[in-house]
Amino acid sequence: MELTRGANAPVDAPSVSLVLEWGSDREIDPQALLLTDTGKIRSNDDFVFFNAPRHPSGTVELEDAAPGRATVRLALDAIESDITRVVIAGSVEPGSFQDVAGLTLTIWDADGILLKYQLQRSEAVTAMVLGEFYRRRGEWKFRAVGQGWDSGLRGLAEEFGVEVDDEPAAAAPAPPPSSPPIQPPAPSSPSYPAPDSSRIAGWYSTAGDGSRVRWWNGSAWTQDYRPAVPGDDPNRCARCGQPKRVPRFGVAPPCRACESEVNSLLESWRAHAWQVLLSDGPRGPRWDELWERLRFHMISDVTGREALRPLAVAYLERVVAFAFADGEVEHDELDEFERAIVELQMAVDLGAARAHIDQLRRRMLRGRSLTQVKVGDLPRVERPDLHLEADELLYLDVNATQIRYLAGGPKFVSGRLIGSSRKLRFVGNGAGTELAWARMVSIRNEYDTVVIEATTARGGGTYRVPDSEYVAAVLEGALRVAKRLVLAPGTRDTRAIAQDVKSRVWQRDGGRCVQCSDDQYLEFDHIIPWSRGGATSVDNLQILCRSCNLQKGARI
């Protein structure tokens, strides 16, 4: 959709990338300002620009700088609630926007282009608001603007409440946590700032010597020093000081001199990150220490996020597999899954895995709905032509094929399976059976069938039905209601798998299907089926993908 100046349109995406492109040799520095309903920023941390390319919350970030192109990434669904507008601006020096040709703004989501805005007839201004994201009744929208100041970046900043230092040697607003400042270090008689619990861990220095910087661990100065590298020299690597061609702003990849060392450090960091995810999840002190470790080695958070993306998806797969291990998804397990997504999105761009994560979410939601049915939240079916007793409630009425295993081979009888508050009925061609809930022992789903075990041979058996998971859940719920069973989580039966057993099996099988090595749609499987006496133990459990599990069958 193409916008004209002043037009607006909804932005129906949790994360977007705003790409600014132009055709002249002028350089444009983009900025983002996070505003409250006062029209001002809360502090200088809400001003994202080339010296501070990432907001402390991680929701707004400048990336991918290149000649004629710049990108702003926004995690709209994670932006703090008191932020009502995100203004996207730009500044040019020398010259003005009148000298910039083909200035175009494009908004992308994971599926492609959402909006496009081509600025026409730019005035002779040196700073301009290009557009803005704003909330309207809980939803995000984007407005095309194109208005500016001839006073440059200073005029734009002051308009939105940025505190500008008037001293000649003043630095730009302090960088956010992912990019701690490396300024001229302390003089020979160090005068480091007093301990400040609000200062994040990083390399810092004070005016003076200019030869080295010192590490602040978040609560005290350590004895770790390293040579200071001028951060304002675009021709040298900001990490080691070696000559290197880097973008004017944003985070550059490691230079050739750093590449081997950074790759080695990242390999170890990824292994540590996975262990933290397995033990604590994407939260807590150990998680924060991961990112401090990157900063200590002067590796950008952007590089860390790229390295973490496949681990984040694998972790979500693990959360889902663990939730389904005992066949039931509790409310807290669903909450943990959603919480993990939100927390991981704060550290990793999951846009490329959006379709897969949506599939995992649908699976979790279905698992939760089936669990609710199993514990008694039963559906009601209307069937006027079916004769029921006065107080009898109908829960299920589906097409079914009864499978009877005889000496001469299986016999198949087509009919309907009907479950009510009084009994279970199978109505077949020319015959039928009835079974009271009191005579029923157990109900389980096996692949595309429902297996019913009873104290009498007549009425039990195996039935092939559409959506056997749902049918088994309804019948199990009806059985529990009829027998007035109240089963507390963790004490249902011996099929429940302890958390430490899940972890040991997952670790042993490497989080992959033991048959085809797939790492998606994984399930815990009893090698000797639980229904046939198999133990719920490490030795009798394995990881299978859904496809291999369905092919396995009960061939024991």
Protein backbone atom coordinates (compact mmCIF):
# COMPACT_ATOMS: atom_id res chain seq x y z
CA MET A 1 0.00 0.00 0.00
CA GLU A 2 1.42 3.40 -0.99
CA LEU A 3 0.88 6.41 1.24
CA THR A 4 0.86 10.11 0.47
CA ARG A 5 1.89 12.89 2.82
CA GLY A 6 -0.45 13.04 5.82
CA ALA A 7 -2.04 9.65 5.12
CA ASN A 8 -2.10 6.84 7.69
CA ALA A 9 -2.65 3.09 7.68
CA PRO A 10 -2.81 0.27 10.28
CA VAL A 11 0.31 -1.80 10.95
CA ASP A 12 -0.88 -5.33 11.71
CA ALA A 13 2.45 -6.97 12.56
CA PRO A 14 4.27 -7.57 15.87
CA SER A 15 7.67 -6.63 14.39
CA VAL A 16 8.54 -4.52 11.37
CA SER A 17 11.55 -3.15 9.54
CA LEU A 18 11.45 0.41 8.23
CA VAL A 19 13.85 0.80 5.29
CA LEU A 20 14.93 4.27 4.17
CA GLU A 21 16.42 4.51 0.65
CA TRP A 22 17.68 7.43 -1.40
CA GLY A 23 19.48 7.95 -4.71
CA SER A 24 22.04 10.75 -4.11
CA ASP A 25 25.53 10.66 -2.64
CA ARG A 26 24.34 12.51 0.49
CA GLU A 27 24.41 10.58 3.74
CA ILE A 28 21.25 10.50 5.85
CA ASP A 29 21.36 9.59 9.53
CA PRO A 30 18.04 8.14 10.71
CA GLN A 31 16.74 8.63 14.25
CA ALA A 32 13.88 7.21 16.30
CA LEU A 33 12.30 8.98 19.28
CA LEU A 34 10.01 7.10 21.69
CA LEU A 35 7.42 9.60 22.97
CA THR A 36 4.82 9.51 25.72
CA ASP A 37 1.42 11.17 25.44
CA THR A 38 3.13 14.46 26.41
CA GLY A 39 4.83 14.49 23.01
CA LYS A 40 8.25 14.29 24.69
CA ILE A 41 10.78 11.58 25.44
CA ARG A 42 11.10 10.35 29.04
CA SER A 43 14.92 10.62 29.02
CA ASN A 44 17.77 10.72 26.51
CA ASP A 45 17.65 6.89 26.44
CA ASP A 46 14.48 7.26 24.33
CA PHE A 47 16.52 8.97 21.56
CA VAL A 48 17.91 6.30 19.20
CA PHE A 49 20.50 7.58 16.73
CA PHE A 50 23.90 6.71 15.20
CA ASN A 51 25.83 7.05 18.47
CA ALA A 52 23.20 5.08 20.42
CA PRO A 53 21.74 2.68 17.82
CA ARG A 54 19.69 0.52 20.21
CA HIS A 55 17.03 1.45 22.75
CA PRO A 56 17.68 -0.04 26.23
CA SER A 57 14.51 -2.14 25.91
CA GLY A 58 15.76 -3.63 22.63
CA THR A 59 12.49 -2.76 20.89
CA VAL A 60 13.87 -0.11 18.51
CA GLU A 61 17.21 -0.42 16.73
CA LEU A 62 19.15 1.08 13.82
CA GLU A 63 20.77 -1.57 11.62
CA ASP A 64 22.09 -2.38 8.15
CA ALA A 65 23.63 0.97 7.30
CA ALA A 66 24.92 1.20 3.72
CA PRO A 67 25.36 3.89 1.06
CA GLY A 68 21.88 5.04 0.06
CA ARG A 69 20.11 2.81 2.59
CA ALA A 70 19.38 2.57 6.33
CA THR A 71 17.09 0.32 8.40
CA VAL A 72 15.17 0.80 11.63
CA ARG A 73 13.82 -2.36 13.26
CA LEU A 74 10.87 -2.11 15.66
CA ALA A 75 9.32 -4.79 17.90
CA LEU A 76 5.98 -2.98 18.16
CA ASP A 77 4.25 -5.56 20.36
CA ALA A 78 7.03 -5.26 22.98
CA ILE A 79 7.24 -1.45 23.21
CA GLU A 80 6.48 -0.22 26.73
CA SER A 81 2.85 0.73 27.34
CA ASP A 82 3.57 4.36 28.27
CA ILE A 83 5.11 4.96 24.82
CA THR A 84 2.34 6.21 22.53
CA ARG A 85 4.37 7.36 19.49
CA VAL A 86 7.62 6.38 17.81
CA VAL A 87 8.79 9.20 15.56
CA ILE A 88 11.09 8.24 12.68
CA ALA A 89 13.29 11.16 11.65
CA GLY A 90 16.42 11.82 9.60
CA SER A 91 19.15 14.44 9.32
CA VAL A 92 21.56 15.32 6.52
CA GLU A 93 24.88 17.18 6.63
CA PRO A 94 26.22 18.96 4.66
CA GLY A 95 23.45 20.29 2.43
CA SER A 96 19.75 19.76 2.97
CA PHE A 97 16.97 17.34 2.05
CA GLN A 98 16.40 19.40 -1.08
CA ASP A 99 19.64 17.84 -2.36
CA VAL A 100 18.43 14.26 -1.70
CA ALA A 101 16.78 12.49 -4.62
CA GLY A 102 14.44 9.49 -4.57
CA LEU A 103 13.86 9.45 -0.82
CA THR A 104 11.58 6.46 -0.13
CA LEU A 105 10.39 4.87 3.10
CA THR A 106 9.24 1.21 3.05
CA ILE A 107 7.80 -0.80 5.96
CA TRP A 108 8.28 -4.58 5.84
CA ASP A 109 7.05 -7.44 8.01
CA ALA A 110 8.04 -11.11 7.81
CA ASP A 111 5.74 -11.68 4.81
CA GLY A 112 6.76 -8.70 2.65
CA ILE A 113 5.97 -5.01 2.12
CA LEU A 114 3.22 -3.49 4.27
CA LEU A 115 3.47 0.22 3.41
CA LYS A 116 5.48 2.51 1.15
CA TYR A 117 5.90 6.29 1.22
CA GLN A 118 7.88 8.29 -1.35
CA LEU A 119 8.70 11.81 -0.17
CA GLN A 120 8.14 14.49 -2.82
CA ARG A 121 9.28 18.12 -3.08
CA SER A 122 11.53 18.12 -0.02
CA GLU A 123 12.25 21.56 1.43
CA ALA A 124 15.68 23.01 2.25
CA VAL A 125 15.69 21.55 5.77
CA THR A 126 18.51 19.64 7.44
CA ALA A 127 16.36 17.49 9.77
CA MET A 128 12.96 15.99 9.05
CA VAL A 129 10.27 13.84 10.63
CA LEU A 130 9.69 11.20 7.94
CA GLY A 131 6.80 9.42 9.62
CA GLU A 132 5.55 8.09 12.91
CA PHE A 133 4.08 4.95 14.45
CA TYR A 134 1.30 5.71 16.94
CA ARG A 135 -1.17 3.77 19.04
CA ARG A 136 -4.88 4.10 18.42
CA ARG A 137 -7.25 2.05 20.59
CA GLY A 138 -4.55 -0.46 21.39
CA GLU A 139 -3.47 -0.96 17.77
CA TRP A 140 -0.44 0.47 15.96
CA LYS A 141 -0.79 2.74 12.91
CA PHE A 142 1.71 4.60 10.74
CA ARG A 143 1.39 8.18 9.49
CA ALA A 144 3.45 9.62 6.58
CA VAL A 145 4.75 13.07 7.61
CA GLY A 146 7.67 14.75 5.81
CA GLN A 147 8.11 17.98 7.84
CA GLY A 148 11.45 19.36 9.04
CA TRP A 149 13.73 21.95 10.67
CA ASP A 150 16.46 24.08 9.16
CA SER A 151 18.25 23.99 12.55
CA GLY A 152 19.38 20.41 11.94
CA LEU A 153 19.53 17.56 14.39
CA ARG A 154 19.72 19.95 17.35
CA GLY A 155 16.40 21.56 16.45
CA LEU A 156 14.72 18.19 15.99
CA ALA A 157 16.12 16.87 19.28
CA GLU A 158 15.06 19.92 21.29
CA GLU A 159 11.55 19.75 19.80
CA PHE A 160 11.02 16.35 21.44
CA GLY A 161 12.73 17.06 24.77
CA VAL A 162 16.24 15.71 24.17
CA GLU A 163 18.72 17.35 26.52
CA VAL A 164 21.48 18.84 24.34
CA ASP A 165 24.79 19.75 25.99
CA ASP A 166 25.97 23.18 24.85
CA GLU A 167 29.65 22.67 25.73
CA PRO A 168 31.90 22.60 22.65
CA ALA A 169 33.35 19.19 23.41
CA ALA A 170 30.07 17.62 24.44
CA ALA A 171 29.28 14.08 23.41
CA ALA A 172 25.97 12.86 22.07
CA PRO A 173 23.41 11.33 24.47
CA ALA A 174 24.74 8.32 26.36
CA PRO A 175 24.52 5.00 24.49
CA PRO A 176 22.07 2.31 25.64
CA PRO A 177 23.09 -0.94 27.40
CA SER A 178 24.05 -2.79 24.21
CA SER A 179 26.58 -0.14 23.22
CA PRO A 180 28.45 1.26 26.28
CA PRO A 181 30.50 4.36 25.61
CA ILE A 182 34.23 4.11 24.94
CA GLN A 183 35.48 7.64 25.45
CA PRO A 184 38.96 8.93 26.32
CA PRO A 185 39.97 7.00 29.48
CA ALA A 186 41.15 8.17 32.85
CA PRO A 187 44.22 10.36 33.44
CA SER A 188 47.31 9.00 35.15
CA SER A 189 45.62 9.81 38.45
CA PRO A 190 42.37 7.91 37.79
CA SER A 191 39.15 9.78 38.54
CA TYR A 192 36.60 7.09 37.72
CA PRO A 193 32.95 7.85 38.42
CA ALA A 194 31.63 6.82 41.81
CA PRO A 195 29.86 3.43 41.88
CA ASP A 196 26.44 3.73 40.28
CA SER A 197 24.03 0.77 40.39
CA SER A 198 22.12 2.18 37.40
CA ARG A 199 25.21 1.99 35.15
CA ILE A 200 25.20 -1.24 33.16
CA ALA A 201 28.26 -3.47 32.93
CA GLY A 202 30.64 -2.30 30.21
CA TRP A 203 33.90 -0.65 29.26
CA TYR A 204 34.06 2.96 30.47
CA SER A 205 36.57 5.73 30.83
CA THR A 206 36.88 9.34 31.97
CA ALA A 207 38.64 12.24 30.31
CA GLY A 208 42.41 12.08 30.51
CA ASP A 209 45.07 9.65 29.36
CA GLY A 210 43.20 8.21 26.40
CA SER A 211 45.26 5.00 26.35
CA ARG A 212 42.92 2.45 27.96
CA VAL A 213 39.43 1.75 29.27
CA ARG A 214 38.31 -0.06 32.43
CA TRP A 215 35.57 -2.65 33.03
CA TRP A 216 32.58 -1.78 35.23
CA ASN A 217 30.83 -5.04 36.29
CA GLY A 218 27.56 -3.35 37.22
CA SER A 219 28.45 -2.73 40.86
CA ALA A 220 32.18 -1.97 41.03
CA TRP A 221 35.26 -1.21 38.95
CA THR A 222 37.41 -4.28 38.27
CA GLN A 223 41.12 -4.56 37.46
CA ASP A 224 40.36 -5.39 33.82
CA TYR A 225 41.79 -2.89 31.32
CA ARG A 226 42.16 -2.82 27.56
CA PRO A 227 43.49 -0.29 25.06
CA ALA A 228 41.03 2.42 24.16
CA VAL A 229 39.96 2.53 20.53
CA PRO A 230 38.56 5.81 19.17
CA GLY A 231 34.90 5.17 18.52
CA ASP A 232 34.56 8.02 16.05
CA ASP A 233 37.03 6.78 13.43
CA PRO A 234 35.01 5.11 10.61
CA ASN A 235 38.16 3.69 9.05
CA ARG A 236 39.17 1.55 12.04
CA CYS A 237 37.59 -1.42 13.78
CA ALA A 238 35.93 -0.25 17.00
CA ARG A 239 37.03 -3.48 18.68
CA CYS A 240 40.74 -3.76 17.91
CA GLY A 241 41.62 -0.50 16.18
CA GLN A 242 42.83 -2.15 12.96
CA PRO A 243 42.09 -0.34 9.66
CA LYS A 244 38.66 -1.35 8.42
CA ARG A 245 35.89 0.05 6.29
CA VAL A 246 32.76 0.25 8.44
CA PRO A 247 29.35 1.93 8.11
CA ARG A 248 28.92 5.39 9.55
CA PHE A 249 26.52 4.04 12.15
CA GLY A 250 25.05 0.72 13.20
CA VAL A 251 27.00 -2.39 14.16
CA ALA A 252 29.65 -3.61 11.73
CA PRO A 253 30.68 -7.26 11.38
CA PRO A 254 34.03 -8.25 12.89
CA CYS A 255 37.06 -7.07 10.97
CA ARG A 256 39.42 -9.62 9.43
CA ALA A 257 41.81 -9.29 12.37
CA CYS A 258 38.98 -10.04 14.87
CA GLU A 259 37.02 -12.63 12.89
CA SER A 260 38.78 -15.79 14.10
CA GLU A 261 38.77 -14.71 17.73
CA VAL A 262 35.12 -13.62 17.64
CA ASN A 263 34.02 -16.89 16.00
CA SER A 264 35.82 -18.91 18.67
CA LEU A 265 34.27 -16.84 21.45
CA LEU A 266 30.80 -17.15 19.92
CA GLU A 267 31.07 -20.94 19.72
CA SER A 268 31.71 -21.11 23.46
CA TRP A 269 29.07 -18.45 24.13
CA ARG A 270 26.39 -20.38 22.23
CA ALA A 271 27.09 -23.52 24.27
CA HIS A 272 26.84 -21.50 27.48
CA ALA A 273 23.64 -19.82 26.27
CA TRP A 274 22.01 -23.19 25.60
CA GLN A 275 22.86 -24.39 29.11
CA VAL A 276 21.35 -21.23 30.58
CA LEU A 277 18.18 -21.73 28.51
CA LEU A 278 17.89 -25.34 29.68
CA SER A 279 18.34 -24.48 33.35
CA ASP A 280 16.84 -21.00 33.82
CA GLY A 281 15.09 -20.06 30.58
CA PRO A 282 15.58 -16.64 28.92
CA ARG A 283 15.58 -14.71 32.19
CA GLY A 284 17.41 -14.16 35.43
CA PRO A 285 20.96 -13.18 36.47
CA ARG A 286 22.69 -15.88 34.40
CA TRP A 287 20.82 -14.70 31.29
CA ASP A 288 21.92 -11.11 31.92
CA GLU A 289 25.49 -12.31 32.43
CA LEU A 290 25.46 -13.82 28.93
CA TRP A 291 25.09 -10.38 27.38
CA GLU A 292 27.61 -8.87 29.77
CA ARG A 293 30.07 -11.51 28.60
CA LEU A 294 29.59 -10.37 25.00
CA ARG A 295 30.22 -6.77 25.97
CA PHE A 296 33.33 -7.77 27.93
CA HIS A 297 34.79 -9.27 24.74
CA MET A 298 33.50 -6.26 22.77
CA ILE A 299 31.20 -8.35 20.60
CA SER A 300 28.02 -6.55 19.60
CA ASP A 301 24.62 -7.63 20.90
CA VAL A 302 23.48 -7.83 17.26
CA THR A 303 26.06 -10.55 16.60
CA GLY A 304 24.90 -12.37 19.72
CA ARG A 305 21.25 -12.20 18.67
CA GLU A 306 22.08 -13.70 15.29
CA ALA A 307 23.95 -16.55 17.01
CA LEU A 308 21.07 -17.11 19.44
CA ARG A 309 18.21 -17.32 16.90
CA PRO A 310 18.40 -21.11 16.17
CA LEU A 311 18.78 -21.82 19.90
CA ALA A 312 15.68 -19.75 20.65
CA VAL A 313 13.56 -21.80 18.23
CA ALA A 314 15.01 -25.07 19.60
CA TYR A 315 14.17 -23.93 23.13
CA LEU A 316 10.54 -23.28 22.17
CA GLU A 317 10.38 -26.75 20.60
CA ARG A 318 11.64 -28.16 23.89
CA VAL A 319 9.03 -26.26 25.92
CA VAL A 320 6.27 -27.69 23.72
CA ALA A 321 7.63 -31.26 23.85
CA PHE A 322 7.89 -31.10 27.63
CA ALA A 323 4.34 -29.77 27.92
CA PHE A 324 2.96 -32.70 25.90
CA ALA A 325 5.10 -35.36 27.61
CA ASP A 326 2.29 -36.54 29.91
CA GLY A 327 -0.44 -36.02 27.31
CA GLU A 328 -1.97 -32.97 29.00
CA VAL A 329 -1.18 -29.25 28.71
CA GLU A 330 -1.78 -27.27 31.89
CA HIS A 331 -2.54 -23.55 31.99
CA ASP A 332 0.85 -22.75 33.53
CA GLU A 333 2.59 -24.66 30.73
CA LEU A 334 0.75 -22.58 28.13
CA ASP A 335 1.67 -19.42 30.06
CA GLU A 336 5.31 -20.51 30.17
CA PHE A 337 5.31 -20.98 26.38
CA GLU A 338 3.88 -17.50 25.75
CA ARG A 339 6.22 -15.97 28.31
CA ALA A 340 9.22 -17.60 26.64
CA ILE A 341 8.21 -16.14 23.26
CA VAL A 342 7.92 -12.61 24.69
CA GLU A 343 11.24 -12.87 26.52
CA LEU A 344 13.07 -14.33 23.53
CA GLN A 345 11.67 -11.65 21.23
CA MET A 346 13.31 -9.06 23.47
CA ALA A 347 16.71 -10.60 22.66
CA VAL A 348 16.23 -12.21 19.23
CA ASP A 349 14.45 -11.25 16.02
CA LEU A 350 12.10 -14.23 15.57
CA GLY A 351 10.42 -12.81 12.49
CA ALA A 352 11.91 -15.46 10.18
CA ALA A 353 10.50 -18.23 12.42
CA ARG A 354 7.09 -16.61 12.82
CA ALA A 355 5.18 -19.27 10.85
CA HIS A 356 6.78 -22.11 12.80
CA ILE A 357 6.16 -20.40 16.15
CA ASP A 358 2.51 -19.84 15.18
CA GLN A 359 2.28 -23.57 14.43
CA LEU A 360 3.72 -24.39 17.87
CA ARG A 361 1.25 -21.95 19.46
CA ARG A 362 -1.70 -23.62 17.70
CA ARG A 363 -0.49 -26.99 18.91
CA MET A 364 -0.23 -25.73 22.50
CA LEU A 365 -3.69 -24.13 22.35
CA ARG A 366 -5.21 -27.33 20.99
CA GLY A 367 -3.42 -29.36 23.68
CA ARG A 368 -4.80 -27.03 26.34
CA SER A 369 -8.36 -27.24 24.96
CA LEU A 370 -8.17 -31.07 24.88
CA THR A 371 -6.91 -31.08 28.46
CA GLN A 372 -9.87 -28.98 29.55
CA VAL A 373 -12.21 -31.46 27.88
CA LYS A 374 -10.47 -34.35 29.66
CA VAL A 375 -11.03 -32.80 33.07
CA GLY A 376 -14.77 -32.35 32.53
CA ASP A 377 -15.35 -29.26 30.38
CA LEU A 378 -17.42 -31.34 27.97
CA PRO A 379 -19.13 -30.19 24.77
CA ARG A 380 -22.87 -30.41 24.24
CA VAL A 381 -24.22 -31.96 21.05
CA GLU A 382 -27.77 -31.45 19.76
CA ARG A 383 -29.28 -34.49 18.01
CA PRO A 384 -33.10 -34.20 17.91
CA ASP A 385 -33.55 -37.54 16.12
CA LEU A 386 -31.65 -39.48 18.80
CA HIS A 387 -33.77 -40.87 21.64
CA LEU A 388 -32.23 -40.01 25.02
CA GLU A 389 -33.49 -40.22 28.57
CA ALA A 390 -34.89 -37.05 30.12
CA ASP A 391 -31.75 -36.02 32.00
CA GLU A 392 -29.23 -37.54 29.57
CA LEU A 393 -26.70 -35.18 27.94
CA LEU A 394 -25.12 -35.92 24.58
CA TYR A 395 -21.35 -35.27 24.37
CA LEU A 396 -20.28 -37.04 21.19
CA ASP A 397 -21.74 -38.35 17.93
CA VAL A 398 -19.20 -39.25 15.21
CA ASN A 399 -18.72 -41.67 12.35
CA ALA A 400 -16.63 -44.65 13.49
CA THR A 401 -15.30 -47.98 12.30
CA GLN A 402 -15.19 -50.75 14.88
CA ILE A 403 -12.11 -52.98 14.51
CA ARG A 404 -12.46 -56.49 15.89
CA TYR A 405 -9.40 -58.72 15.88
CA LEU A 406 -10.47 -62.27 15.05
CA ALA A 407 -8.54 -65.46 14.32
CA GLY A 408 -9.04 -64.95 10.60
CA GLY A 409 -7.87 -61.32 10.72
CA PRO A 410 -9.38 -57.95 11.64
CA LYS A 411 -13.04 -57.31 10.95
CA PHE A 412 -14.26 -53.77 10.21
CA VAL A 413 -17.80 -52.61 10.99
CA SER A 414 -18.91 -49.08 10.03
CA GLY A 415 -21.27 -47.13 12.23
CA ARG A 416 -21.49 -44.28 14.70
CA LEU A 417 -19.93 -43.83 18.14
CA ILE A 418 -22.23 -41.99 20.54
CA GLY A 419 -21.20 -40.85 24.01
CA SER A 420 -23.60 -39.39 26.58
CA SER A 421 -23.70 -38.75 30.30
CA ARG A 422 -25.17 -42.24 30.82
CA LYS A 423 -23.35 -44.60 28.49
CA LEU A 424 -21.30 -45.18 25.35
CA ARG A 425 -23.06 -46.62 22.31
CA PHE A 426 -21.81 -47.98 19.00
CA VAL A 427 -24.51 -48.22 16.36
CA GLY A 428 -23.34 -50.33 13.42
CA ASN A 429 -24.86 -51.82 10.31
CA GLY A 430 -27.46 -54.23 11.66
CA ALA A 431 -25.96 -54.37 15.15
CA GLY A 432 -24.94 -52.23 18.08
CA THR A 433 -23.51 -52.25 21.57
CA GLU A 434 -23.96 -50.25 24.76
CA LEU A 435 -21.52 -49.83 27.61
CA ALA A 436 -22.18 -48.06 30.92
CA TRP A 437 -19.36 -45.83 32.21
CA ALA A 438 -19.23 -47.91 35.38
CA ARG A 439 -17.98 -50.88 33.32
CA MET A 440 -15.30 -48.85 31.57
CA VAL A 441 -11.68 -49.07 32.75
CA SER A 442 -9.71 -46.72 30.48
CA ILE A 443 -9.77 -44.82 27.21
CA ARG A 444 -6.73 -43.91 25.19
CA ASN A 445 -5.82 -42.51 21.81
CA GLU A 446 -3.52 -44.65 19.63
CA TYR A 447 -2.66 -42.94 16.36
CA ASP A 448 -5.93 -42.73 14.38
CA THR A 449 -7.96 -44.95 16.75
CA VAL A 450 -9.57 -44.83 20.17
CA VAL A 451 -8.99 -47.90 22.36
CA ILE A 452 -11.60 -48.59 25.04
CA GLU A 453 -10.91 -51.13 27.77
CA ALA A 454 -13.82 -52.44 29.83
CA THR A 455 -14.61 -55.10 32.40
CA THR A 456 -16.68 -56.86 29.77
CA ALA A 457 -15.65 -57.87 26.26
CA ARG A 458 -18.85 -56.51 24.80
CA GLY A 459 -18.64 -52.76 24.26
CA GLY A 460 -14.91 -52.31 24.57
CA GLY A 461 -12.56 -52.46 21.61
CA THR A 462 -10.84 -50.32 19.03
CA TYR A 463 -12.59 -47.67 16.95
CA ARG A 464 -11.15 -45.70 14.05
CA VAL A 465 -12.59 -42.19 14.14
CA PRO A 466 -11.84 -38.78 12.63
CA ASP A 467 -9.70 -36.65 15.00
CA SER A 468 -9.04 -39.47 17.42
CA GLU A 469 -7.30 -37.12 19.88
CA TYR A 470 -10.47 -35.09 20.34
CA VAL A 471 -12.76 -38.14 20.55
CA ALA A 472 -10.51 -39.78 23.16
CA ALA A 473 -10.44 -36.53 25.17
CA VAL A 474 -14.25 -36.26 25.19
CA LEU A 475 -14.71 -39.90 26.21
CA GLU A 476 -12.03 -39.64 28.91
CA GLY A 477 -13.69 -36.50 30.26
CA ALA A 478 -17.07 -38.19 30.29
CA LEU A 479 -15.57 -41.19 32.12
CA ARG A 480 -14.02 -38.94 34.77
CA VAL A 481 -17.27 -37.05 35.28
CA ALA A 482 -19.25 -40.29 35.52
CA LYS A 483 -16.85 -41.79 38.07
CA ARG A 484 -16.47 -38.46 39.91
CA LEU A 485 -12.73 -38.57 39.58
CA VAL A 486 -10.78 -35.50 40.77
CA LEU A 487 -7.23 -35.90 39.56
CA ALA A 488 -4.71 -33.31 40.75
CA PRO A 489 -1.86 -32.29 38.40
CA GLY A 490 1.18 -34.48 38.98
CA THR A 491 -0.85 -37.34 40.51
CA ARG A 492 -2.93 -38.42 37.53
CA ASP A 493 -1.35 -41.81 36.91
CA THR A 494 2.01 -43.43 36.25
CA ARG A 495 2.03 -42.08 32.68
CA ALA A 496 3.06 -38.64 34.02
CA ILE A 497 6.76 -37.99 33.30
CA ALA A 498 8.88 -36.27 35.93
CA GLN A 499 10.73 -33.11 34.84
CA ASP A 500 14.18 -34.58 35.50
CA VAL A 501 13.31 -37.65 33.40
CA LYS A 502 12.25 -35.40 30.50
CA SER A 503 15.53 -33.48 30.77
CA ARG A 504 17.69 -36.63 30.79
CA VAL A 505 15.88 -38.14 27.80
CA TRP A 506 16.10 -34.84 25.89
CA GLN A 507 19.83 -34.56 26.66
CA ARG A 508 20.54 -38.18 25.69
CA ASP A 509 18.69 -37.94 22.36
CA GLY A 510 20.10 -34.49 21.59
CA GLY A 511 16.67 -32.87 21.23
CA ARG A 512 16.09 -34.71 17.92
CA CYS A 513 14.03 -37.60 16.61
CA VAL A 514 16.04 -40.80 17.19
CA GLN A 515 14.87 -42.20 13.85
CA CYS A 516 15.11 -39.36 11.31
CA SER A 517 17.02 -36.67 13.30
CA ASP A 518 14.27 -34.08 12.70
CA ASP A 519 14.14 -31.34 15.34
CA GLN A 520 10.55 -30.18 14.83
CA TYR A 521 7.20 -31.36 16.23
CA LEU A 522 8.88 -33.64 18.77
CA GLU A 523 7.13 -35.97 21.22
CA PHE A 524 8.14 -38.20 24.13
CA ASP A 525 7.35 -41.81 23.21
CA HIS A 526 7.22 -44.96 25.35
CA ILE A 527 9.31 -47.63 23.55
CA ILE A 528 7.21 -50.35 25.18
CA PRO A 529 3.76 -48.70 25.20
CA TRP A 530 2.56 -47.56 28.59
CA SER A 531 -0.76 -49.24 27.86
CA ARG A 532 1.10 -52.56 27.62
CA GLY A 533 3.04 -52.25 30.82
CA GLY A 534 5.95 -50.11 29.65
CA ALA A 535 7.64 -48.07 32.37
CA THR A 536 7.77 -44.28 32.42
CA SER A 537 11.57 -44.30 32.76
CA VAL A 538 14.62 -42.88 30.97
CA ASP A 539 15.40 -46.29 29.42
CA ASN A 540 11.86 -46.77 28.10
CA LEU A 541 11.41 -43.24 26.70
CA GLN A 542 12.67 -41.78 23.45
CA ILE A 543 12.24 -38.64 21.35
CA LEU A 544 10.30 -39.09 18.12
CA CYS A 545 8.92 -36.55 15.67
CA ARG A 546 5.18 -36.71 15.03
CA SER A 547 5.67 -38.41 11.64
CA CYS A 548 7.86 -41.24 12.99
CA ASN A 549 5.61 -41.67 16.01
CA LEU A 550 2.55 -42.10 13.79
CA GLN A 551 4.40 -44.66 11.65
CA LYS A 552 5.56 -46.65 14.64
CA GLY A 553 2.20 -48.06 15.70
CA ALA A 554 1.81 -50.50 18.58
CA ARG A 555 3.87 -53.34 17.15
CA ILE A 556 5.25 -54.62 20.44
